[in-house]
N, C-alpha and C. Protein backbone atom coordinates (compact mmCIF):
# COMPACT_ATOMS: atom_id res chain seq x y z
N UNK A 1 -11.85 -5.64 5.93
CA UNK A 1 -11.44 -4.38 6.47
C UNK A 1 -12.71 -3.87 7.40
N UNK A 2 -13.86 -3.78 6.78
CA UNK A 2 -14.87 -3.32 7.46
C UNK A 2 -15.33 -4.20 8.74
N UNK A 3 -15.17 -5.41 8.48
CA UNK A 3 -15.52 -6.37 9.59
C UNK A 3 -14.36 -6.05 10.95
N UNK A 4 -13.14 -6.00 10.56
CA UNK A 4 -12.31 -5.48 11.49
C UNK A 4 -12.60 -4.26 12.21
N UNK A 5 -12.96 -3.23 11.45
CA UNK A 5 -13.25 -2.05 11.91
C UNK A 5 -14.51 -2.07 12.85
N UNK A 6 -15.45 -2.88 12.37
CA UNK A 6 -16.57 -3.07 13.12
C UNK A 6 -16.42 -3.76 14.43
N UNK A 7 -15.56 -4.86 14.55
CA UNK A 7 -15.24 -5.40 15.64
C UNK A 7 -14.54 -4.50 16.84
N UNK A 8 -13.72 -3.76 16.24
CA UNK A 8 -12.95 -2.92 17.04
C UNK A 8 -13.83 -1.81 17.66
N UNK A 9 -14.79 -1.24 16.97
CA UNK A 9 -15.68 -0.30 17.43
C UNK A 9 -16.59 -0.87 18.47
N UNK A 10 -16.89 -2.08 18.28
CA UNK A 10 -17.90 -2.90 19.23
C UNK A 10 -17.13 -3.14 20.55
N UNK A 11 -15.83 -3.47 20.49
CA UNK A 11 -15.04 -3.75 21.60
C UNK A 11 -14.68 -2.52 22.47
N UNK A 12 -14.89 -1.39 21.93
CA UNK A 12 -14.58 -0.22 22.80
C UNK A 12 -14.97 -0.17 24.13
N UNK A 13 -16.26 -0.50 24.29
CA UNK A 13 -16.94 -0.60 25.62
C UNK A 13 -16.55 -1.58 26.50
N UNK A 14 -15.84 -2.41 26.07
CA UNK A 14 -15.28 -3.76 26.86
C UNK A 14 -13.86 -3.46 27.34
N UNK A 15 -13.29 -2.43 26.95
CA UNK A 15 -11.93 -2.11 27.31
C UNK A 15 -11.75 -1.88 28.85
N UNK A 16 -12.65 -1.01 29.24
CA UNK A 16 -12.58 -0.58 30.60
C UNK A 16 -13.03 -1.70 31.60
N UNK A 17 -13.91 -2.50 31.26
CA UNK A 17 -14.30 -3.64 31.99
C UNK A 17 -13.22 -4.70 32.17
N UNK A 18 -12.56 -4.96 31.11
CA UNK A 18 -11.52 -5.92 30.95
C UNK A 18 -10.36 -5.35 31.96
N UNK A 19 -10.01 -4.10 31.78
CA UNK A 19 -8.78 -3.52 32.77
C UNK A 19 -9.15 -3.69 34.11
N UNK A 20 -10.55 -3.28 34.47
CA UNK A 20 -11.10 -3.22 35.85
C UNK A 20 -11.04 -4.64 36.51
N UNK A 21 -11.42 -5.52 35.70
CA UNK A 21 -11.48 -6.96 36.13
C UNK A 21 -10.03 -7.46 36.40
N UNK A 22 -8.95 -7.13 35.58
CA UNK A 22 -7.66 -7.61 35.69
C UNK A 22 -6.96 -7.14 36.87
N UNK A 23 -7.23 -5.86 37.26
CA UNK A 23 -6.69 -5.33 38.48
C UNK A 23 -7.60 -5.58 39.65
N UNK A 24 -8.77 -5.87 39.63
CA UNK A 24 -9.86 -6.22 40.75
C UNK A 24 -9.16 -7.31 41.68
N UNK A 25 -8.71 -8.46 41.03
CA UNK A 25 -8.38 -9.53 41.94
C UNK A 25 -6.79 -9.38 42.52
N UNK A 26 -5.97 -8.13 42.12
CA UNK A 26 -4.80 -7.88 42.61
C UNK A 26 -4.74 -6.90 43.69
N UNK A 27 -6.00 -6.49 44.21
CA UNK A 27 -6.13 -5.49 45.42
C UNK A 27 -5.96 -6.42 46.62
N UNK A 28 -5.49 -5.66 47.62
CA UNK A 28 -4.76 -4.32 47.72
C UNK A 28 -3.51 -4.47 46.84
N UNK A 29 -3.20 -3.13 46.20
CA UNK A 29 -2.13 -3.34 45.18
C UNK A 29 -0.69 -3.39 45.83
N UNK A 30 -0.58 -3.20 47.12
CA UNK A 30 0.49 -3.27 47.80
C UNK A 30 0.96 -4.70 48.32
N UNK A 31 -0.12 -5.60 47.97
CA UNK A 31 0.28 -6.97 48.07
C UNK A 31 0.26 -7.79 46.81
N UNK A 32 0.15 -7.00 45.70
CA UNK A 32 0.24 -7.69 44.53
C UNK A 32 1.72 -8.06 44.12
N UNK A 33 2.00 -8.76 43.09
CA UNK A 33 3.39 -9.16 42.73
C UNK A 33 4.14 -7.93 42.29
N UNK A 34 5.46 -8.25 42.28
CA UNK A 34 6.39 -7.05 42.07
C UNK A 34 6.32 -6.52 40.54
N UNK A 35 5.99 -7.45 39.71
CA UNK A 35 5.76 -7.02 38.23
C UNK A 35 4.54 -6.06 38.07
N UNK A 36 3.60 -6.47 38.89
CA UNK A 36 2.25 -5.53 38.79
C UNK A 36 2.70 -4.23 39.43
N UNK A 37 3.31 -4.25 40.51
CA UNK A 37 3.54 -3.06 41.35
C UNK A 37 4.52 -2.08 40.42
N UNK A 38 5.51 -2.72 39.68
CA UNK A 38 6.49 -1.87 38.91
C UNK A 38 5.59 -1.21 37.73
N UNK A 39 4.71 -2.06 37.15
CA UNK A 39 3.93 -1.48 35.98
C UNK A 39 2.99 -0.41 36.41
N UNK A 40 2.37 -0.62 37.60
CA UNK A 40 1.40 0.54 38.02
C UNK A 40 2.28 1.70 38.33
N UNK A 41 3.50 1.50 39.06
CA UNK A 41 4.40 2.64 39.33
C UNK A 41 4.72 3.40 38.13
N UNK A 42 4.97 2.81 36.99
CA UNK A 42 5.44 3.55 35.65
C UNK A 42 4.16 4.15 35.19
N UNK A 43 3.01 3.40 35.30
CA UNK A 43 1.78 3.98 34.82
C UNK A 43 1.38 5.25 35.66
N UNK A 44 1.58 5.19 37.06
CA UNK A 44 1.10 6.38 37.77
C UNK A 44 2.19 7.50 37.58
N UNK A 45 3.40 7.33 37.15
CA UNK A 45 4.23 8.45 36.99
C UNK A 45 4.07 9.10 35.59
N UNK A 46 3.51 8.25 34.64
CA UNK A 46 3.14 8.74 33.22
C UNK A 46 1.95 9.52 33.31
N UNK A 47 0.84 8.93 33.87
CA UNK A 47 -0.40 9.66 33.78
C UNK A 47 -0.64 10.57 34.91
N UNK A 48 0.30 10.71 35.95
CA UNK A 48 0.05 11.38 37.14
C UNK A 48 -1.10 11.21 37.83
N UNK A 49 -1.32 9.87 38.35
CA UNK A 49 -2.49 9.40 38.99
C UNK A 49 -2.15 8.36 40.09
N UNK A 50 -3.17 8.06 40.85
CA UNK A 50 -2.79 7.02 41.85
C UNK A 50 -3.79 6.04 42.08
N UNK A 51 -3.58 4.79 42.07
CA UNK A 51 -4.44 3.39 42.18
C UNK A 51 -5.14 3.45 40.80
N UNK A 52 -6.05 2.42 41.04
CA UNK A 52 -6.87 2.13 39.73
C UNK A 52 -8.14 2.73 39.45
N UNK A 53 -9.12 2.23 40.56
CA UNK A 53 -10.56 2.89 40.34
C UNK A 53 -11.01 3.68 41.48
N UNK A 54 -10.32 3.30 42.58
CA UNK A 54 -10.75 3.91 43.94
C UNK A 54 -9.46 4.97 44.37
N UNK A 55 -8.42 5.23 43.58
CA UNK A 55 -7.45 6.25 43.99
C UNK A 55 -6.55 5.58 44.94
N UNK A 56 -5.93 6.30 45.84
CA UNK A 56 -5.01 5.75 46.70
C UNK A 56 -5.40 4.62 47.62
N UNK A 57 -6.76 4.46 47.85
CA UNK A 57 -7.29 3.38 48.77
C UNK A 57 -6.88 1.97 48.00
N UNK A 58 -6.87 1.94 46.79
CA UNK A 58 -6.55 0.73 46.05
C UNK A 58 -5.18 0.20 46.61
N UNK A 59 -4.29 1.03 47.06
CA UNK A 59 -2.84 0.50 47.72
C UNK A 59 -2.83 -0.06 48.87
N UNK A 60 -4.02 0.03 49.82
CA UNK A 60 -4.00 -0.43 51.06
C UNK A 60 -3.18 0.39 52.03
N UNK A 61 -2.22 -0.37 52.74
CA UNK A 61 -1.47 0.42 53.86
C UNK A 61 -0.20 1.17 53.31
N UNK A 62 0.25 0.75 52.22
CA UNK A 62 1.53 1.26 51.66
C UNK A 62 1.33 1.89 50.34
N UNK A 63 1.25 3.30 50.39
CA UNK A 63 1.14 4.00 49.22
C UNK A 63 2.49 4.29 48.57
N UNK A 64 2.92 3.85 47.52
CA UNK A 64 4.13 4.01 46.79
C UNK A 64 4.46 5.61 46.44
N UNK A 65 5.80 5.95 46.42
CA UNK A 65 6.15 7.23 46.03
C UNK A 65 5.68 7.69 44.78
N UNK A 66 5.27 6.79 43.68
CA UNK A 66 4.82 7.21 42.44
C UNK A 66 3.46 8.02 42.66
N UNK A 67 2.71 7.59 43.67
CA UNK A 67 1.48 8.42 43.95
C UNK A 67 1.66 9.68 44.62
N UNK A 68 2.82 10.03 45.05
CA UNK A 68 2.98 11.31 45.83
C UNK A 68 3.14 12.56 44.89
N UNK A 69 2.27 13.64 45.22
CA UNK A 69 2.30 14.71 44.36
C UNK A 69 3.59 15.54 44.53
N UNK A 70 4.21 16.08 43.38
CA UNK A 70 5.28 16.99 43.62
C UNK A 70 4.84 18.28 44.20
N UNK A 71 5.87 19.07 44.87
CA UNK A 71 5.52 20.36 45.38
C UNK A 71 4.67 21.30 44.67
N UNK A 72 5.07 21.31 43.29
CA UNK A 72 4.24 22.41 42.48
C UNK A 72 2.84 22.10 42.19
N UNK A 73 2.32 20.79 42.59
CA UNK A 73 1.04 20.49 42.36
C UNK A 73 0.21 20.71 43.73
N UNK A 74 1.02 20.75 44.70
CA UNK A 74 0.16 20.69 46.24
C UNK A 74 -0.69 21.97 46.24
N UNK A 75 -1.70 21.87 46.96
CA UNK A 75 -2.72 22.92 47.03
C UNK A 75 -3.41 23.17 45.67
N UNK A 76 -3.48 22.09 44.84
CA UNK A 76 -4.40 22.29 43.54
C UNK A 76 -5.29 21.03 43.65
N UNK A 77 -6.34 21.04 42.67
CA UNK A 77 -7.20 19.96 42.67
C UNK A 77 -6.63 18.58 42.23
N UNK A 78 -5.35 18.64 41.61
CA UNK A 78 -4.87 17.33 41.23
C UNK A 78 -4.48 16.68 42.47
N UNK A 79 -4.33 17.10 43.55
CA UNK A 79 -3.89 16.33 44.85
C UNK A 79 -4.71 16.25 45.94
N UNK A 80 -4.60 15.28 46.77
CA UNK A 80 -5.53 15.31 47.88
C UNK A 80 -4.63 14.71 49.09
N UNK A 81 -4.90 15.11 50.37
CA UNK A 81 -4.19 14.72 51.44
C UNK A 81 -4.88 13.37 52.09
N UNK A 82 -4.07 12.37 52.26
CA UNK A 82 -4.48 11.04 52.78
C UNK A 82 -4.50 11.40 54.19
N UNK A 83 -5.70 10.77 54.84
CA UNK A 83 -5.79 10.92 56.31
C UNK A 83 -4.72 10.22 57.00
N UNK A 84 -4.49 10.70 58.17
CA UNK A 84 -3.27 10.02 58.99
C UNK A 84 -3.91 8.76 59.67
N UNK A 85 -3.32 7.72 59.62
CA UNK A 85 -3.79 6.45 60.30
C UNK A 85 -2.64 6.01 60.98
N UNK A 86 -2.68 4.80 61.71
CA UNK A 86 -1.51 4.21 62.44
C UNK A 86 -0.44 3.84 61.61
N UNK A 87 -0.88 3.39 60.30
CA UNK A 87 0.32 2.78 59.33
C UNK A 87 0.74 3.90 58.30
N UNK A 88 -0.02 4.98 58.11
CA UNK A 88 0.29 5.96 56.99
C UNK A 88 0.50 7.27 57.67
N UNK A 89 1.68 7.88 57.53
CA UNK A 89 1.71 9.33 57.93
C UNK A 89 1.02 10.27 56.91
N UNK A 90 0.91 11.49 57.16
CA UNK A 90 -0.04 12.27 56.21
C UNK A 90 0.82 12.43 55.02
N UNK A 91 0.08 12.20 53.92
CA UNK A 91 0.87 12.33 52.59
C UNK A 91 -0.10 13.09 51.67
N UNK A 92 0.38 13.70 50.56
CA UNK A 92 -0.27 14.35 49.53
C UNK A 92 -0.13 13.47 48.32
N UNK A 93 -1.20 13.00 47.82
CA UNK A 93 -1.31 12.16 46.64
C UNK A 93 -2.10 12.64 45.58
N UNK A 94 -1.84 11.92 44.32
CA UNK A 94 -2.69 12.36 43.15
C UNK A 94 -4.26 11.96 43.44
N UNK A 95 -5.04 12.89 43.13
CA UNK A 95 -6.44 12.73 43.52
C UNK A 95 -7.18 11.59 42.38
N UNK A 96 -6.75 11.69 41.26
CA UNK A 96 -7.45 10.92 40.27
C UNK A 96 -6.83 9.57 40.14
N UNK A 97 -7.86 8.62 39.95
CA UNK A 97 -7.41 7.22 39.89
C UNK A 97 -6.96 7.02 38.39
N UNK A 98 -6.17 5.92 38.03
CA UNK A 98 -5.53 5.71 36.70
C UNK A 98 -6.35 5.10 35.68
N UNK A 99 -7.30 4.27 36.15
CA UNK A 99 -8.21 3.62 35.21
C UNK A 99 -8.91 4.59 34.34
N UNK A 100 -9.63 5.70 34.53
CA UNK A 100 -10.36 6.41 33.70
C UNK A 100 -9.26 7.04 32.68
N UNK A 101 -8.01 7.46 33.21
CA UNK A 101 -7.10 8.14 32.18
C UNK A 101 -6.50 7.04 31.19
N UNK A 102 -6.32 5.79 31.67
CA UNK A 102 -5.73 4.95 30.79
C UNK A 102 -6.92 4.37 29.76
N UNK A 103 -8.18 4.38 30.27
CA UNK A 103 -9.23 4.07 29.23
C UNK A 103 -9.25 5.10 28.31
N UNK A 104 -9.15 6.36 28.57
CA UNK A 104 -9.25 7.49 27.62
C UNK A 104 -8.11 7.53 26.46
N UNK A 105 -7.06 7.15 27.18
CA UNK A 105 -5.78 6.99 26.26
C UNK A 105 -5.98 5.84 25.26
N UNK A 106 -6.44 4.80 25.74
CA UNK A 106 -6.69 3.61 24.78
C UNK A 106 -7.81 3.97 23.70
N UNK A 107 -8.90 4.58 24.26
CA UNK A 107 -10.01 5.09 23.43
C UNK A 107 -9.53 5.90 22.25
N UNK A 108 -8.59 6.85 22.62
CA UNK A 108 -8.03 7.71 21.66
C UNK A 108 -7.28 6.86 20.55
N UNK A 109 -6.49 5.89 21.02
CA UNK A 109 -5.63 5.02 20.10
C UNK A 109 -6.72 4.23 19.12
N UNK A 110 -7.67 3.66 19.75
CA UNK A 110 -8.71 2.95 19.08
C UNK A 110 -9.44 3.77 18.09
N UNK A 111 -9.87 5.06 18.43
CA UNK A 111 -10.50 5.87 17.60
C UNK A 111 -9.57 6.32 16.31
N UNK A 112 -8.29 6.55 16.75
CA UNK A 112 -7.40 6.80 15.58
C UNK A 112 -7.17 5.49 14.66
N UNK A 113 -7.19 4.30 15.15
CA UNK A 113 -7.11 3.19 14.44
C UNK A 113 -8.31 3.06 13.59
N UNK A 114 -9.56 3.26 14.17
CA UNK A 114 -10.96 3.16 13.48
C UNK A 114 -10.82 4.25 12.24
N UNK A 115 -10.26 5.31 12.53
CA UNK A 115 -10.33 6.54 11.37
C UNK A 115 -9.61 5.92 10.23
N UNK A 116 -8.32 5.34 10.53
CA UNK A 116 -7.64 4.85 9.52
C UNK A 116 -8.13 3.66 8.72
N UNK A 117 -8.80 2.68 9.51
CA UNK A 117 -9.46 1.68 8.91
C UNK A 117 -10.53 1.93 8.08
N UNK A 118 -11.55 2.94 8.61
CA UNK A 118 -12.69 3.35 7.62
C UNK A 118 -12.27 4.28 6.63
N UNK A 119 -11.30 5.02 6.76
CA UNK A 119 -10.74 5.80 5.60
C UNK A 119 -10.23 4.86 4.52
N UNK A 120 -9.47 3.90 4.89
CA UNK A 120 -8.96 2.97 3.92
C UNK A 120 -10.09 2.30 3.32
N UNK A 121 -11.02 1.77 4.00
CA UNK A 121 -12.23 1.08 3.54
C UNK A 121 -12.99 1.86 2.62
N UNK A 122 -13.02 3.25 2.83
CA UNK A 122 -13.71 4.22 1.92
C UNK A 122 -13.08 4.27 0.65
N UNK A 123 -11.97 4.22 0.53
CA UNK A 123 -11.16 4.32 -0.73
C UNK A 123 -11.22 2.95 -1.44
N UNK A 124 -11.26 1.90 -0.75
CA UNK A 124 -11.44 0.55 -1.32
C UNK A 124 -12.75 0.35 -2.03
N UNK A 125 -13.74 0.95 -1.30
CA UNK A 125 -15.23 0.90 -1.85
C UNK A 125 -15.23 1.82 -3.10
N UNK A 126 -14.65 2.89 -3.07
CA UNK A 126 -14.46 3.80 -4.25
C UNK A 126 -13.91 3.19 -5.44
N UNK A 127 -12.71 2.36 -5.13
CA UNK A 127 -12.18 1.59 -6.27
C UNK A 127 -13.17 0.49 -6.78
N UNK A 128 -13.80 -0.17 -5.89
CA UNK A 128 -14.79 -1.17 -6.44
C UNK A 128 -15.86 -0.46 -7.28
N UNK A 129 -16.28 0.46 -7.04
CA UNK A 129 -17.41 1.13 -7.82
C UNK A 129 -16.71 1.59 -9.09
N UNK A 130 -15.70 2.14 -9.04
CA UNK A 130 -15.00 2.51 -10.30
C UNK A 130 -14.82 1.43 -11.41
N UNK A 131 -14.38 0.31 -10.59
CA UNK A 131 -14.14 -1.05 -11.42
C UNK A 131 -15.41 -1.51 -11.95
N UNK A 132 -16.59 -1.51 -11.16
CA UNK A 132 -17.78 -2.04 -11.76
C UNK A 132 -18.25 -1.02 -12.98
N UNK A 133 -18.02 0.28 -12.59
CA UNK A 133 -18.34 1.20 -13.88
C UNK A 133 -17.63 0.90 -15.09
N UNK A 134 -16.41 0.78 -14.87
CA UNK A 134 -15.51 0.48 -16.11
C UNK A 134 -15.91 -0.92 -16.64
N UNK A 135 -16.25 -1.84 -16.06
CA UNK A 135 -16.61 -3.14 -16.46
C UNK A 135 -17.97 -2.90 -17.28
N UNK A 136 -18.81 -2.26 -16.69
CA UNK A 136 -20.13 -2.06 -17.48
C UNK A 136 -20.05 -1.32 -18.62
N UNK A 137 -19.03 -0.39 -18.84
CA UNK A 137 -18.75 0.33 -19.98
C UNK A 137 -18.11 -0.64 -20.99
N UNK A 138 -17.30 -1.43 -20.53
CA UNK A 138 -16.59 -2.26 -21.50
C UNK A 138 -17.55 -3.34 -21.95
N UNK A 139 -18.60 -3.83 -21.15
CA UNK A 139 -19.48 -4.84 -21.70
C UNK A 139 -20.38 -4.24 -22.81
N UNK A 140 -20.73 -2.96 -22.64
CA UNK A 140 -21.68 -2.44 -23.54
C UNK A 140 -21.18 -2.42 -24.85
N UNK A 141 -21.93 -3.19 -25.78
CA UNK A 141 -21.42 -3.24 -27.02
C UNK A 141 -21.77 -1.94 -27.88
N UNK A 142 -20.83 -1.29 -28.42
CA UNK A 142 -21.08 -0.20 -29.28
C UNK A 142 -21.08 -0.56 -30.73
N UNK A 143 -22.16 -0.21 -31.43
CA UNK A 143 -22.19 -0.55 -32.80
C UNK A 143 -21.32 0.51 -33.56
N UNK A 144 -20.55 -0.12 -34.31
CA UNK A 144 -19.70 0.87 -35.25
C UNK A 144 -20.31 1.70 -36.33
N UNK A 145 -20.07 2.73 -36.32
CA UNK A 145 -20.84 3.58 -37.52
C UNK A 145 -20.50 2.90 -38.83
N UNK A 146 -21.59 2.63 -39.65
CA UNK A 146 -21.24 1.97 -40.90
C UNK A 146 -20.94 2.99 -42.13
N UNK A 147 -19.94 2.61 -42.68
CA UNK A 147 -19.37 3.33 -43.80
C UNK A 147 -20.21 3.06 -45.14
N UNK A 148 -20.56 4.11 -45.74
CA UNK A 148 -21.37 3.78 -47.01
C UNK A 148 -20.27 3.94 -48.08
N UNK A 149 -20.36 3.00 -48.95
CA UNK A 149 -19.49 3.04 -50.06
C UNK A 149 -20.09 2.50 -51.31
N UNK A 150 -20.03 3.16 -52.41
CA UNK A 150 -20.71 2.70 -53.57
C UNK A 150 -19.68 2.57 -54.70
N UNK A 151 -19.93 1.62 -55.64
CA UNK A 151 -19.12 1.28 -56.62
C UNK A 151 -19.04 2.59 -57.70
N UNK A 152 -20.38 3.06 -57.70
CA UNK A 152 -20.72 4.02 -58.60
C UNK A 152 -20.63 5.47 -57.95
N UNK A 153 -19.62 5.90 -57.45
CA UNK A 153 -19.51 7.09 -56.86
C UNK A 153 -19.57 8.19 -57.79
N UNK A 154 -19.91 9.39 -57.34
CA UNK A 154 -19.99 10.56 -58.16
C UNK A 154 -19.14 11.43 -57.45
N UNK A 155 -18.55 12.69 -58.28
CA UNK A 155 -18.01 13.62 -57.62
C UNK A 155 -18.59 14.41 -56.59
N UNK A 156 -18.09 14.64 -55.65
CA UNK A 156 -18.69 15.54 -54.58
C UNK A 156 -19.38 16.97 -55.26
N UNK A 157 -20.36 17.31 -54.55
CA UNK A 157 -20.98 18.59 -55.18
C UNK A 157 -20.53 19.72 -54.25
N UNK A 158 -19.43 20.26 -54.70
CA UNK A 158 -18.92 21.33 -53.92
C UNK A 158 -19.39 22.68 -54.49
N UNK A 159 -19.61 23.73 -53.75
CA UNK A 159 -19.91 25.08 -54.34
C UNK A 159 -18.69 25.88 -54.06
N UNK A 160 -18.50 26.92 -54.95
CA UNK A 160 -17.41 27.80 -54.72
C UNK A 160 -18.05 28.84 -53.69
N UNK A 161 -17.02 29.17 -52.83
CA UNK A 161 -17.47 30.12 -51.83
C UNK A 161 -17.20 31.69 -52.44
N UNK A 162 -18.02 32.50 -52.18
CA UNK A 162 -17.86 33.95 -52.88
C UNK A 162 -16.75 34.54 -52.09
N UNK A 163 -16.20 35.64 -52.92
CA UNK A 163 -14.97 36.32 -52.41
C UNK A 163 -15.68 37.21 -51.27
N UNK A 164 -14.83 37.41 -49.98
CA UNK A 164 -15.34 38.20 -49.21
C UNK A 164 -15.46 39.69 -49.46
N UNK A 165 -16.39 40.43 -49.23
CA UNK A 165 -16.32 41.98 -49.38
C UNK A 165 -15.77 42.68 -48.25
N UNK A 166 -15.20 43.71 -48.48
CA UNK A 166 -14.65 44.60 -47.33
C UNK A 166 -15.73 45.50 -46.79
N UNK A 167 -15.91 45.37 -45.56
CA UNK A 167 -16.83 46.32 -44.81
C UNK A 167 -16.05 47.23 -44.08
N UNK A 168 -16.18 48.70 -44.33
CA UNK A 168 -15.52 49.63 -43.59
C UNK A 168 -16.46 50.41 -42.78
């Protein structure tokens, strides 16, 4: 349990690099395969972002509609205007790239999983300690109290208690 938690904690820093490397060879994203484009469209709609690490520039010449900011976000810091070029008309798209948002989301999931794993491991360790303590107590040999018995026993030497006096 602790080994798994340790490996998960160590791999947290590698998540961003792996995701970046996965999408780096698919750029420009408008030339990527349809499955990748559909996945990114869904991701952009969910996280309200555009592109992977360089924003709308990752898409090349054709920026998909999932990058476009809705009317209520225009004129906010969440959106930027794409400069007009020969192939692209002026558009307002999300300013934040998706990679940092996805990495943050994955890190939250990993942190939750780590919390559960370390919490479970903590209780397992408490159980182990309690079992060791119990075994140590069971191993300890307790000498029974010897009973004294004599063949020639005498009557017990009891004294009569005095009558209580009344104090007023």
